[in-house]
Structure formats: structure tokens, C-alpha cells
Amino acid sequence: MNSESLETKEKILNATIDIVGMKGEATIREITEKAGVNVASINYYFGNKNNLLKEVENYYAEKLLKTGYDILRDDNLKSKDKLFKWALNLIEYMYKYPALIAIIVKLTNDDKSYNPVMIKKIYFNDEIREIIEDIINDITKIEDNRILNFKYLQLFSGILGTVINHVVVSIYGDKKSILNLGDPEELRQYIRLLIDSILK
């Protein structure tokens, strides 16, 4: 794929994630207008709307996965800083692109056999889990694999729970969220507390 084709495909992906992020749904017409392309481009690159949504999920899952690996493999960071930066990146990413949750829900509702790429690449990623558990082991000296698994689950739940809480409150609630994900200092304070509780 040449650079112009790649740019067109990326414009369609970005337009779709932006629209779905604002509304939770996007029409082909809205996507083409925002991306500045015609319907034929969507059909050419994706075939249909659900394939486009799957590609959007995959595109952003890959982007998040690469950033996560870069953080966890950064030899210039201390172990605890790796956990902090990885968790911060994951929360900020999901906060920045809340449409990813809407896309996953839509795709799994439309096709019960669909296995979300984001969940496979991020949550069920054995390599990431092992890296994080090794970091936790390095800091806490816990050797029991079951306890390390629990601590990984605790970390992941503490991250995803905040994003789900934010989405639910913004869609269904008339109450203010307990954690303001838009406040960088409050978010950092929460992540420090989460990581400290896991490393005890």
C-alpha cells in the first residue's frame, strides 16, 4: 500500500473513531464527510461498515500495544515507574478514545462470535502479563504465581474500572464521577495509590 493509500485509510479510521467517540455510532455518510473521501473509498479499503469498525479497533489496539511494550521494555525506567507509566498510558488512551468501548460493544452485539481484538491484544496478552508480573515480583519478591496473577488482575481492574466508570457516568448518570480522568494530577494520584496497593 503506497503512502497516499495509507493516508486515505488512516483518515477514514480517524474520522470513524472521532464520530463514534462523540455519538457512539457513525453513518457512512458522516464518515465520508469527515474524512473527505467518497463511499467507494470505504468499500475499497474495508468492504462494509462492520469491517471498518473491526479495523478501527485493531488499529488502535495495535497502537496501544506498541506504546505499552515500549514503556514496559524501557531500560531507563525503574520498575515501579514502568508500572505507573504503563497504567497512566492505558487509562489516558481509553479516556482519549472512549469510542473503543462503544465499538467493542457494537461489534459483539452484532456478532456474538466476535472476539474483540483489544481484549486479546491487551488484556489476554500473556507476554504483557508476564512482564508486569515479573516487575511486581522484582519489587515485592512474591514468588507465588497465583498471587502474582491476582495482582495483575487487580492492576488491570483498577485501570479499566476507572474508564468504565467514566463512560457509564457520562452516558447514564446525573452524578459526578468519583475520579476526574480529565484532571492529570488527580489521575496520577489515583494511579500511584493503585500501584502502591498492589505492591504491598
N, C-alpha and C. Protein backbone atom coordinates (compact mmCIF):
# COMPACT_ATOMS: atom_id res chain seq x y z
N MET A 1 0.85 -1.17 0.00
CA MET A 1 0.00 0.00 0.00
C MET A 1 0.90 1.24 0.00
N ASN A 2 0.68 2.15 -0.97
CA ASN A 2 1.52 3.34 -1.03
C ASN A 2 1.12 4.35 0.04
N SER A 3 1.93 5.41 0.20
CA SER A 3 1.70 6.34 1.31
C SER A 3 0.39 7.10 1.16
N GLU A 4 -0.04 7.39 -0.08
CA GLU A 4 -1.31 8.09 -0.28
C GLU A 4 -2.48 7.19 0.13
N SER A 5 -2.41 5.91 -0.23
CA SER A 5 -3.46 4.96 0.17
C SER A 5 -3.50 4.80 1.68
N LEU A 6 -2.31 4.72 2.27
CA LEU A 6 -2.22 4.58 3.73
C LEU A 6 -2.82 5.81 4.41
N GLU A 7 -2.55 6.99 3.85
CA GLU A 7 -3.08 8.23 4.40
C GLU A 7 -4.61 8.26 4.30
N THR A 8 -5.15 7.82 3.17
CA THR A 8 -6.61 7.78 2.99
C THR A 8 -7.24 6.82 3.99
N LYS A 9 -6.64 5.65 4.12
CA LYS A 9 -7.16 4.65 5.06
C LYS A 9 -7.12 5.20 6.49
N GLU A 10 -6.03 5.86 6.85
CA GLU A 10 -5.91 6.41 8.20
C GLU A 10 -6.92 7.54 8.42
N LYS A 11 -7.17 8.35 7.40
CA LYS A 11 -8.18 9.41 7.52
C LYS A 11 -9.56 8.82 7.80
N ILE A 12 -9.88 7.72 7.12
CA ILE A 12 -11.16 7.05 7.34
C ILE A 12 -11.23 6.49 8.76
N LEU A 13 -10.14 5.85 9.20
CA LEU A 13 -10.10 5.29 10.55
C LEU A 13 -10.25 6.39 11.60
N ASN A 14 -9.50 7.48 11.44
CA ASN A 14 -9.56 8.58 12.41
C ASN A 14 -10.93 9.23 12.44
N ALA A 15 -11.53 9.42 11.27
CA ALA A 15 -12.86 10.02 11.20
C ALA A 15 -13.87 9.13 11.92
N THR A 16 -13.76 7.83 11.71
CA THR A 16 -14.70 6.89 12.32
C THR A 16 -14.58 6.90 13.84
N ILE A 17 -13.35 6.84 14.34
CA ILE A 17 -13.17 6.82 15.80
C ILE A 17 -13.64 8.13 16.42
N ASP A 18 -13.42 9.25 15.74
CA ASP A 18 -13.88 10.55 16.26
C ASP A 18 -15.40 10.61 16.34
N ILE A 19 -16.06 10.19 15.28
CA ILE A 19 -17.53 10.28 15.25
C ILE A 19 -18.15 9.31 16.25
N VAL A 20 -17.66 8.07 16.26
CA VAL A 20 -18.20 7.09 17.20
C VAL A 20 -17.93 7.55 18.63
N GLY A 21 -16.78 8.17 18.85
CA GLY A 21 -16.43 8.67 20.18
C GLY A 21 -17.38 9.75 20.66
N MET A 22 -17.87 10.57 19.73
CA MET A 22 -18.79 11.64 20.11
C MET A 22 -20.22 11.13 20.26
N LYS A 23 -20.62 10.22 19.38
CA LYS A 23 -22.02 9.81 19.33
C LYS A 23 -22.28 8.37 19.72
N GLY A 24 -21.24 7.54 19.70
CA GLY A 24 -21.42 6.11 19.96
C GLY A 24 -21.83 5.34 18.71
N GLU A 25 -22.03 6.03 17.60
CA GLU A 25 -22.44 5.42 16.34
C GLU A 25 -22.01 6.37 15.22
N ALA A 26 -21.86 5.84 14.02
CA ALA A 26 -21.48 6.68 12.88
C ALA A 26 -22.13 6.12 11.62
N THR A 27 -22.65 7.02 10.79
CA THR A 27 -23.17 6.60 9.49
C THR A 27 -22.04 6.68 8.48
N ILE A 28 -22.19 5.96 7.39
CA ILE A 28 -21.19 6.00 6.32
C ILE A 28 -21.07 7.44 5.79
N ARG A 29 -22.19 8.11 5.66
CA ARG A 29 -22.18 9.49 5.16
C ARG A 29 -21.37 10.41 6.08
N GLU A 30 -21.58 10.28 7.40
CA GLU A 30 -20.82 11.10 8.35
C GLU A 30 -19.31 10.82 8.24
N ILE A 31 -18.98 9.54 8.08
CA ILE A 31 -17.57 9.16 7.98
C ILE A 31 -16.94 9.75 6.72
N THR A 32 -17.64 9.62 5.59
CA THR A 32 -17.07 10.12 4.34
C THR A 32 -16.92 11.64 4.37
N GLU A 33 -17.89 12.34 4.95
CA GLU A 33 -17.80 13.80 5.04
C GLU A 33 -16.63 14.23 5.92
N LYS A 34 -16.49 13.60 7.08
CA LYS A 34 -15.42 13.98 8.00
C LYS A 34 -14.04 13.62 7.43
N ALA A 35 -13.95 12.48 6.76
CA ALA A 35 -12.66 12.03 6.22
C ALA A 35 -12.33 12.70 4.89
N GLY A 36 -13.34 13.29 4.25
CA GLY A 36 -13.11 13.92 2.95
C GLY A 36 -12.88 12.90 1.85
N VAL A 37 -13.59 11.77 1.93
CA VAL A 37 -13.47 10.71 0.92
C VAL A 37 -14.86 10.34 0.43
N ASN A 38 -14.92 9.49 -0.59
CA ASN A 38 -16.23 9.04 -1.08
C ASN A 38 -16.53 7.64 -0.54
N VAL A 39 -17.77 7.22 -0.72
CA VAL A 39 -18.22 5.91 -0.23
C VAL A 39 -17.39 4.78 -0.85
N ALA A 40 -17.00 4.96 -2.09
CA ALA A 40 -16.20 3.93 -2.77
C ALA A 40 -14.89 3.66 -2.02
N SER A 41 -14.32 4.69 -1.40
CA SER A 41 -13.08 4.50 -0.64
C SER A 41 -13.30 3.58 0.55
N ILE A 42 -14.43 3.76 1.23
CA ILE A 42 -14.74 2.90 2.38
C ILE A 42 -14.92 1.46 1.90
N ASN A 43 -15.67 1.29 0.81
CA ASN A 43 -15.86 -0.05 0.27
C ASN A 43 -14.55 -0.66 -0.20
N TYR A 44 -13.70 0.14 -0.81
CA TYR A 44 -12.42 -0.35 -1.33
C TYR A 44 -11.51 -0.82 -0.19
N TYR A 45 -11.39 -0.02 0.85
CA TYR A 45 -10.46 -0.35 1.93
C TYR A 45 -11.03 -1.32 2.96
N PHE A 46 -12.36 -1.31 3.14
CA PHE A 46 -12.93 -2.07 4.25
C PHE A 46 -14.05 -3.05 3.87
N GLY A 47 -14.71 -2.86 2.76
CA GLY A 47 -15.78 -3.77 2.35
C GLY A 47 -17.14 -3.40 2.90
N ASN A 48 -17.24 -3.20 4.22
CA ASN A 48 -18.51 -2.78 4.83
C ASN A 48 -18.22 -2.09 6.16
N LYS A 49 -19.27 -1.58 6.77
CA LYS A 49 -19.11 -0.78 7.99
C LYS A 49 -18.58 -1.60 9.16
N ASN A 50 -19.06 -2.82 9.35
CA ASN A 50 -18.56 -3.63 10.47
C ASN A 50 -17.08 -3.96 10.29
N ASN A 51 -16.67 -4.22 9.06
CA ASN A 51 -15.23 -4.44 8.82
C ASN A 51 -14.43 -3.18 9.15
N LEU A 52 -15.00 -2.02 8.82
CA LEU A 52 -14.35 -0.76 9.16
C LEU A 52 -14.21 -0.63 10.68
N LEU A 53 -15.28 -0.94 11.40
CA LEU A 53 -15.22 -0.85 12.87
C LEU A 53 -14.21 -1.84 13.45
N LYS A 54 -14.13 -3.03 12.87
CA LYS A 54 -13.14 -4.01 13.32
C LYS A 54 -11.72 -3.49 13.06
N GLU A 55 -11.55 -2.87 11.92
CA GLU A 55 -10.24 -2.31 11.57
C GLU A 55 -9.87 -1.15 12.50
N VAL A 56 -10.87 -0.34 12.85
CA VAL A 56 -10.64 0.76 13.80
C VAL A 56 -10.18 0.19 15.14
N GLU A 57 -10.89 -0.82 15.61
CA GLU A 57 -10.50 -1.44 16.87
C GLU A 57 -9.08 -2.01 16.78
N ASN A 58 -8.78 -2.72 15.70
CA ASN A 58 -7.46 -3.31 15.52
C ASN A 58 -6.37 -2.25 15.44
N TYR A 59 -6.64 -1.19 14.69
CA TYR A 59 -5.66 -0.11 14.52
C TYR A 59 -5.27 0.49 15.87
N TYR A 60 -6.27 0.82 16.67
CA TYR A 60 -5.98 1.44 17.95
C TYR A 60 -5.46 0.44 18.98
N ALA A 61 -5.85 -0.81 18.87
CA ALA A 61 -5.30 -1.85 19.76
C ALA A 61 -3.80 -2.02 19.48
N GLU A 62 -3.43 -2.04 18.21
CA GLU A 62 -2.01 -2.16 17.84
C GLU A 62 -1.20 -0.96 18.34
N LYS A 63 -1.78 0.22 18.18
CA LYS A 63 -1.11 1.44 18.62
C LYS A 63 -0.89 1.41 20.14
N LEU A 64 -1.92 1.02 20.86
CA LEU A 64 -1.83 0.94 22.32
C LEU A 64 -0.85 -0.15 22.75
N LEU A 65 -0.88 -1.28 22.06
CA LEU A 65 0.02 -2.39 22.37
C LEU A 65 1.48 -1.98 22.19
N LYS A 66 1.79 -1.31 21.09
CA LYS A 66 3.17 -0.88 20.82
C LYS A 66 3.66 0.09 21.90
N THR A 67 2.82 1.06 22.23
CA THR A 67 3.21 2.02 23.27
C THR A 67 3.43 1.32 24.60
N GLY A 68 2.55 0.38 24.93
CA GLY A 68 2.69 -0.38 26.18
C GLY A 68 3.99 -1.16 26.23
N TYR A 69 4.31 -1.83 25.13
CA TYR A 69 5.58 -2.57 25.06
C TYR A 69 6.77 -1.62 25.22
N ASP A 70 6.72 -0.49 24.54
CA ASP A 70 7.82 0.48 24.62
C ASP A 70 8.06 0.91 26.07
N ILE A 71 6.98 1.14 26.80
CA ILE A 71 7.09 1.56 28.20
C ILE A 71 7.66 0.43 29.06
N LEU A 72 7.08 -0.75 28.93
CA LEU A 72 7.48 -1.87 29.79
C LEU A 72 8.90 -2.37 29.50
N ARG A 73 9.40 -2.10 28.30
CA ARG A 73 10.75 -2.54 27.93
C ARG A 73 11.80 -1.43 28.03
N ASP A 74 11.39 -0.27 28.52
CA ASP A 74 12.30 0.87 28.62
C ASP A 74 13.27 0.67 29.78
N ASP A 75 14.52 0.39 29.46
CA ASP A 75 15.54 0.13 30.49
C ASP A 75 15.92 1.38 31.27
N ASN A 76 15.51 2.55 30.79
CA ASN A 76 15.81 3.79 31.50
C ASN A 76 14.82 4.08 32.63
N LEU A 77 13.74 3.30 32.69
CA LEU A 77 12.74 3.49 33.74
C LEU A 77 12.95 2.48 34.86
N LYS A 78 12.72 2.92 36.10
CA LYS A 78 12.72 1.99 37.23
C LYS A 78 11.46 1.13 37.13
N SER A 79 11.49 -0.01 37.80
CA SER A 79 10.37 -0.96 37.72
C SER A 79 9.03 -0.32 38.08
N LYS A 80 8.98 0.38 39.20
CA LYS A 80 7.73 0.99 39.64
C LYS A 80 7.27 2.07 38.65
N ASP A 81 8.23 2.80 38.08
CA ASP A 81 7.90 3.83 37.09
C ASP A 81 7.32 3.22 35.82
N LYS A 82 7.79 2.01 35.47
CA LYS A 82 7.23 1.32 34.30
C LYS A 82 5.75 1.02 34.53
N LEU A 83 5.43 0.49 35.71
CA LEU A 83 4.03 0.19 36.03
C LEU A 83 3.19 1.46 36.00
N PHE A 84 3.72 2.52 36.60
CA PHE A 84 3.00 3.79 36.65
C PHE A 84 2.74 4.32 35.25
N LYS A 85 3.78 4.39 34.45
CA LYS A 85 3.67 4.96 33.11
C LYS A 85 2.77 4.09 32.22
N TRP A 86 2.88 2.75 32.36
CA TRP A 86 2.03 1.84 31.57
C TRP A 86 0.56 2.04 31.94
N ALA A 87 0.27 2.09 33.24
CA ALA A 87 -1.12 2.27 33.70
C ALA A 87 -1.66 3.63 33.26
N LEU A 88 -0.85 4.67 33.42
CA LEU A 88 -1.26 6.02 33.02
C LEU A 88 -1.56 6.06 31.52
N ASN A 89 -0.69 5.46 30.73
CA ASN A 89 -0.90 5.44 29.28
C ASN A 89 -2.20 4.73 28.92
N LEU A 90 -2.46 3.59 29.56
CA LEU A 90 -3.66 2.82 29.25
C LEU A 90 -4.93 3.61 29.60
N ILE A 91 -4.95 4.22 30.78
CA ILE A 91 -6.13 5.00 31.18
C ILE A 91 -6.30 6.21 30.27
N GLU A 92 -5.22 6.94 30.03
CA GLU A 92 -5.32 8.13 29.17
C GLU A 92 -5.77 7.77 27.77
N TYR A 93 -5.30 6.65 27.26
CA TYR A 93 -5.66 6.20 25.92
C TYR A 93 -7.15 5.88 25.85
N MET A 94 -7.64 5.13 26.83
CA MET A 94 -9.06 4.78 26.83
C MET A 94 -9.93 6.01 27.08
N TYR A 95 -9.42 6.96 27.85
CA TYR A 95 -10.16 8.21 28.09
C TYR A 95 -10.20 9.04 26.82
N LYS A 96 -9.08 9.07 26.10
CA LYS A 96 -8.99 9.85 24.86
C LYS A 96 -9.85 9.23 23.77
N TYR A 97 -9.94 7.89 23.75
CA TYR A 97 -10.70 7.18 22.72
C TYR A 97 -11.80 6.32 23.35
N PRO A 98 -12.78 6.94 24.01
CA PRO A 98 -13.84 6.15 24.64
C PRO A 98 -14.67 5.39 23.61
N ALA A 99 -14.55 5.79 22.35
CA ALA A 99 -15.29 5.11 21.28
C ALA A 99 -14.88 3.65 21.17
N LEU A 100 -13.68 3.32 21.61
CA LEU A 100 -13.24 1.93 21.52
C LEU A 100 -14.18 1.01 22.29
N ILE A 101 -14.64 1.46 23.45
CA ILE A 101 -15.57 0.65 24.23
C ILE A 101 -16.89 0.51 23.47
N ALA A 102 -17.36 1.62 22.90
CA ALA A 102 -18.61 1.58 22.12
C ALA A 102 -18.48 0.66 20.91
N ILE A 103 -17.33 0.69 20.26
CA ILE A 103 -17.10 -0.17 19.09
C ILE A 103 -17.12 -1.64 19.51
N ILE A 104 -16.43 -1.97 20.60
CA ILE A 104 -16.39 -3.35 21.07
C ILE A 104 -17.79 -3.84 21.41
N VAL A 105 -18.56 -3.01 22.10
CA VAL A 105 -19.94 -3.38 22.46
C VAL A 105 -20.77 -3.60 21.20
N LYS A 106 -20.68 -2.68 20.23
CA LYS A 106 -21.46 -2.81 19.00
C LYS A 106 -21.09 -4.08 18.24
N LEU A 107 -19.80 -4.31 18.07
CA LEU A 107 -19.37 -5.48 17.29
C LEU A 107 -19.77 -6.79 17.96
N THR A 108 -19.66 -6.86 19.28
CA THR A 108 -20.04 -8.10 19.97
C THR A 108 -21.56 -8.27 20.01
N ASN A 109 -22.31 -7.16 20.02
CA ASN A 109 -23.77 -7.26 19.95
C ASN A 109 -24.22 -7.73 18.57
N ASP A 110 -23.54 -7.23 17.52
CA ASP A 110 -23.90 -7.60 16.14
C ASP A 110 -23.48 -9.02 15.79
N ASP A 111 -22.39 -9.48 16.41
CA ASP A 111 -21.86 -10.81 16.10
C ASP A 111 -21.37 -11.45 17.39
N LYS A 112 -22.18 -12.33 17.95
CA LYS A 112 -21.87 -12.95 19.25
C LYS A 112 -20.57 -13.75 19.22
N SER A 113 -20.12 -14.16 18.03
CA SER A 113 -18.88 -14.93 17.94
C SER A 113 -17.65 -14.03 17.83
N TYR A 114 -17.86 -12.72 17.71
CA TYR A 114 -16.73 -11.81 17.55
C TYR A 114 -15.91 -11.75 18.83
N ASN A 115 -14.61 -11.89 18.68
CA ASN A 115 -13.69 -11.84 19.81
C ASN A 115 -12.90 -10.53 19.71
N PRO A 116 -13.21 -9.54 20.54
CA PRO A 116 -12.59 -8.22 20.40
C PRO A 116 -11.06 -8.26 20.42
N VAL A 117 -10.48 -7.61 19.43
CA VAL A 117 -9.03 -7.55 19.28
C VAL A 117 -8.39 -6.84 20.47
N MET A 118 -9.02 -5.78 20.94
CA MET A 118 -8.47 -5.01 22.06
C MET A 118 -8.29 -5.90 23.29
N ILE A 119 -9.26 -6.74 23.55
CA ILE A 119 -9.18 -7.62 24.71
C ILE A 119 -8.09 -8.67 24.51
N LYS A 120 -8.02 -9.24 23.29
CA LYS A 120 -6.99 -10.25 23.01
C LYS A 120 -5.59 -9.65 23.11
N LYS A 121 -5.39 -8.47 22.52
CA LYS A 121 -4.05 -7.91 22.42
C LYS A 121 -3.57 -7.23 23.70
N ILE A 122 -4.50 -6.74 24.49
CA ILE A 122 -4.10 -6.01 25.69
C ILE A 122 -4.33 -6.85 26.95
N TYR A 123 -5.55 -7.29 27.18
CA TYR A 123 -5.86 -7.99 28.43
C TYR A 123 -5.37 -9.44 28.42
N PHE A 124 -5.63 -10.17 27.36
CA PHE A 124 -5.23 -11.58 27.31
C PHE A 124 -3.85 -11.78 26.69
N ASN A 125 -3.03 -10.77 26.73
CA ASN A 125 -1.69 -10.83 26.18
C ASN A 125 -0.75 -11.43 27.23
N ASP A 126 -0.36 -12.68 27.02
CA ASP A 126 0.48 -13.38 28.01
C ASP A 126 1.83 -12.70 28.21
N GLU A 127 2.39 -12.16 27.14
CA GLU A 127 3.70 -11.52 27.26
C GLU A 127 3.63 -10.28 28.14
N ILE A 128 2.61 -9.45 27.95
CA ILE A 128 2.45 -8.26 28.80
C ILE A 128 2.21 -8.68 30.24
N ARG A 129 1.33 -9.66 30.43
CA ARG A 129 1.05 -10.14 31.79
C ARG A 129 2.33 -10.62 32.46
N GLU A 130 3.14 -11.39 31.74
CA GLU A 130 4.39 -11.91 32.31
C GLU A 130 5.36 -10.79 32.64
N ILE A 131 5.47 -9.79 31.77
CA ILE A 131 6.36 -8.65 32.04
C ILE A 131 5.91 -7.93 33.31
N ILE A 132 4.60 -7.67 33.40
CA ILE A 132 4.07 -6.96 34.57
C ILE A 132 4.24 -7.80 35.83
N GLU A 133 3.95 -9.09 35.74
CA GLU A 133 4.13 -9.95 36.91
C GLU A 133 5.60 -10.05 37.31
N ASP A 134 6.51 -10.04 36.34
CA ASP A 134 7.94 -10.03 36.66
C ASP A 134 8.33 -8.74 37.38
N ILE A 135 7.76 -7.63 36.95
CA ILE A 135 8.04 -6.35 37.61
C ILE A 135 7.52 -6.38 39.05
N ILE A 136 6.30 -6.88 39.22
CA ILE A 136 5.72 -6.98 40.56
C ILE A 136 6.57 -7.91 41.43
N ASN A 137 7.00 -9.03 40.86
CA ASN A 137 7.86 -9.96 41.58
C ASN A 137 9.19 -9.30 41.96
N ASP A 138 9.76 -8.56 41.03
CA ASP A 138 11.03 -7.88 41.26
C ASP A 138 10.94 -6.91 42.44
N ILE A 139 9.81 -6.23 42.56
CA ILE A 139 9.63 -5.24 43.62
C ILE A 139 9.21 -5.88 44.94
N THR A 140 8.26 -6.81 44.87
CA THR A 140 7.68 -7.37 46.10
C THR A 140 8.35 -8.65 46.58
N LYS A 141 9.07 -9.31 45.68
CA LYS A 141 9.72 -10.61 45.95
C LYS A 141 8.70 -11.73 46.16
N ILE A 142 7.46 -11.51 45.73
CA ILE A 142 6.43 -12.55 45.81
C ILE A 142 6.74 -13.58 44.73
N GLU A 143 6.78 -14.85 45.12
CA GLU A 143 7.10 -15.93 44.18
C GLU A 143 5.86 -16.72 43.76
N ASP A 144 4.80 -16.65 44.54
CA ASP A 144 3.58 -17.42 44.29
C ASP A 144 2.90 -16.89 43.01
N ASN A 145 2.87 -17.73 41.97
CA ASN A 145 2.30 -17.32 40.68
C ASN A 145 0.83 -16.94 40.78
N ARG A 146 0.10 -17.62 41.63
CA ARG A 146 -1.32 -17.31 41.78
C ARG A 146 -1.50 -15.89 42.35
N ILE A 147 -0.69 -15.54 43.34
CA ILE A 147 -0.76 -14.19 43.92
C ILE A 147 -0.34 -13.15 42.88
N LEU A 148 0.68 -13.46 42.09
CA LEU A 148 1.10 -12.54 41.03
C LEU A 148 -0.01 -12.35 40.00
N ASN A 149 -0.71 -13.45 39.66
CA ASN A 149 -1.87 -13.36 38.76
C ASN A 149 -2.94 -12.44 39.34
N PHE A 150 -3.20 -12.59 40.65
CA PHE A 150 -4.21 -11.76 41.31
C PHE A 150 -3.80 -10.28 41.27
N LYS A 151 -2.53 -10.02 41.48
CA LYS A 151 -2.05 -8.64 41.48
C LYS A 151 -2.15 -8.03 40.08
N TYR A 152 -1.89 -8.84 39.06
CA TYR A 152 -2.07 -8.38 37.67
C TYR A 152 -3.55 -8.05 37.43
N LEU A 153 -4.42 -8.94 37.86
CA LEU A 153 -5.86 -8.72 37.72
C LEU A 153 -6.29 -7.46 38.48
N GLN A 154 -5.75 -7.28 39.67
CA GLN A 154 -6.06 -6.10 40.48
C GLN A 154 -5.63 -4.82 39.75
N LEU A 155 -4.44 -4.83 39.16
CA LEU A 155 -3.95 -3.67 38.42
C LEU A 155 -4.85 -3.38 37.23
N PHE A 156 -5.14 -4.42 36.45
CA PHE A 156 -5.96 -4.22 35.25
C PHE A 156 -7.37 -3.76 35.62
N SER A 157 -7.94 -4.35 36.66
CA SER A 157 -9.28 -3.95 37.10
C SER A 157 -9.29 -2.50 37.56
N GLY A 158 -8.25 -2.10 38.26
CA GLY A 158 -8.14 -0.71 38.72
C GLY A 158 -8.03 0.28 37.58
N ILE A 159 -7.48 -0.16 36.46
CA ILE A 159 -7.36 0.71 35.28
C ILE A 159 -8.69 0.75 34.53
N LEU A 160 -9.19 -0.42 34.15
CA LEU A 160 -10.41 -0.46 33.34
C LEU A 160 -11.64 0.02 34.11
N GLY A 161 -11.65 -0.23 35.41
CA GLY A 161 -12.79 0.21 36.21
C GLY A 161 -12.98 1.72 36.16
N THR A 162 -11.87 2.46 36.14
CA THR A 162 -11.98 3.92 36.08
C THR A 162 -12.56 4.38 34.75
N VAL A 163 -12.14 3.73 33.68
CA VAL A 163 -12.64 4.10 32.35
C VAL A 163 -14.11 3.75 32.21
N ILE A 164 -14.48 2.55 32.65
CA ILE A 164 -15.88 2.13 32.58
C ILE A 164 -16.75 3.06 33.43
N ASN A 165 -16.26 3.39 34.62
CA ASN A 165 -16.99 4.33 35.49
C ASN A 165 -17.21 5.66 34.77
N HIS A 166 -16.18 6.16 34.14
CA HIS A 166 -16.28 7.44 33.42
C HIS A 166 -17.32 7.36 32.30
N VAL A 167 -17.28 6.28 31.52
CA VAL A 167 -18.21 6.12 30.40
C VAL A 167 -19.64 6.00 30.92
N VAL A 168 -19.85 5.17 31.94
CA VAL A 168 -21.20 4.97 32.48
C VAL A 168 -21.76 6.27 33.05
N VAL A 169 -20.95 6.99 33.82
CA VAL A 169 -21.42 8.24 34.41
C VAL A 169 -21.74 9.27 33.32
N SER A 170 -20.89 9.34 32.29
CA SER A 170 -21.12 10.33 31.24
C SER A 170 -22.34 10.00 30.38
N ILE A 171 -22.67 8.72 30.24
CA ILE A 171 -23.82 8.33 29.42
C ILE A 171 -25.10 8.29 30.24
N TYR A 172 -25.05 7.66 31.42
CA TYR A 172 -26.28 7.37 32.15
C TYR A 172 -26.46 8.16 33.44
N GLY A 173 -25.41 8.75 33.92
CA GLY A 173 -25.51 9.34 35.25
C GLY A 173 -25.74 10.82 35.25
N ASP A 174 -26.38 11.25 36.30
CA ASP A 174 -26.52 12.68 36.53
C ASP A 174 -25.62 13.09 37.69
N LYS A 175 -24.75 12.15 38.09
CA LYS A 175 -23.82 12.41 39.19
C LYS A 175 -22.41 12.58 38.63
N LYS A 176 -21.61 13.26 39.39
CA LYS A 176 -20.22 13.47 39.02
C LYS A 176 -19.42 12.19 39.29
N SER A 177 -18.50 11.87 38.39
CA SER A 177 -17.64 10.70 38.57
C SER A 177 -16.75 10.89 39.79
N ILE A 178 -16.46 9.80 40.48
CA ILE A 178 -15.59 9.84 41.66
C ILE A 178 -14.19 10.31 41.27
N LEU A 179 -13.72 9.87 40.10
CA LEU A 179 -12.39 10.22 39.62
C LEU A 179 -12.52 11.04 38.35
N ASN A 180 -11.91 12.20 38.32
CA ASN A 180 -11.93 13.05 37.14
C ASN A 180 -10.74 12.68 36.25
N LEU A 181 -10.99 11.88 35.22
CA LEU A 181 -9.92 11.43 34.33
C LEU A 181 -9.31 12.58 33.54
N GLY A 182 -10.02 13.68 33.46
CA GLY A 182 -9.51 14.85 32.74
C GLY A 182 -8.55 15.69 33.57
N ASP A 183 -8.42 15.39 34.85
CA ASP A 183 -7.51 16.12 35.74
C ASP A 183 -6.22 15.32 35.88
N PRO A 184 -5.14 15.75 35.22
CA PRO A 184 -3.90 14.97 35.21
C PRO A 184 -3.35 14.67 36.61
N GLU A 185 -3.42 15.63 37.52
CA GLU A 185 -2.87 15.39 38.86
C GLU A 185 -3.71 14.39 39.64
N GLU A 186 -5.03 14.50 39.52
CA GLU A 186 -5.91 13.56 40.21
C GLU A 186 -5.71 12.14 39.66
N LEU A 187 -5.55 12.04 38.36
CA LEU A 187 -5.32 10.74 37.72
C LEU A 187 -4.00 10.14 38.19
N ARG A 188 -2.96 10.94 38.23
CA ARG A 188 -1.65 10.45 38.70
C ARG A 188 -1.71 10.01 40.17
N GLN A 189 -2.43 10.77 40.97
CA GLN A 189 -2.59 10.40 42.38
C GLN A 189 -3.29 9.05 42.51
N TYR A 190 -4.34 8.86 41.71
CA TYR A 190 -5.07 7.59 41.73
C TYR A 190 -4.15 6.43 41.33
N ILE A 191 -3.39 6.61 40.26
CA ILE A 191 -2.52 5.52 39.77
C ILE A 191 -1.44 5.20 40.80
N ARG A 192 -0.86 6.23 41.43
CA ARG A 192 0.14 5.98 42.47
C ARG A 192 -0.46 5.14 43.60
N LEU A 193 -1.66 5.51 44.02
CA LEU A 193 -2.34 4.78 45.09
C LEU A 193 -2.63 3.34 44.66
N LEU A 194 -3.10 3.16 43.43
CA LEU A 194 -3.39 1.83 42.90
C LEU A 194 -2.13 0.97 42.90
N ILE A 195 -1.05 1.50 42.37
CA ILE A 195 0.20 0.73 42.28
C ILE A 195 0.76 0.44 43.66
N ASP A 196 0.72 1.42 44.55
CA ASP A 196 1.20 1.19 45.92
C ASP A 196 0.41 0.07 46.59
N SER A 197 -0.91 0.04 46.36
CA SER A 197 -1.73 -1.01 47.00
C SER A 197 -1.40 -2.39 46.42
N ILE A 198 -1.02 -2.46 45.17
CA ILE A 198 -0.67 -3.73 44.53
C ILE A 198 0.71 -4.21 44.97
N LEU A 199 1.59 -3.28 45.24
CA LEU A 199 2.97 -3.64 45.58
C LEU A 199 3.18 -3.92 47.06
N LYS A 200 2.10 -3.92 47.84
CA LYS A 200 2.22 -4.22 49.28
C LYS A 200 2.37 -5.70 49.49
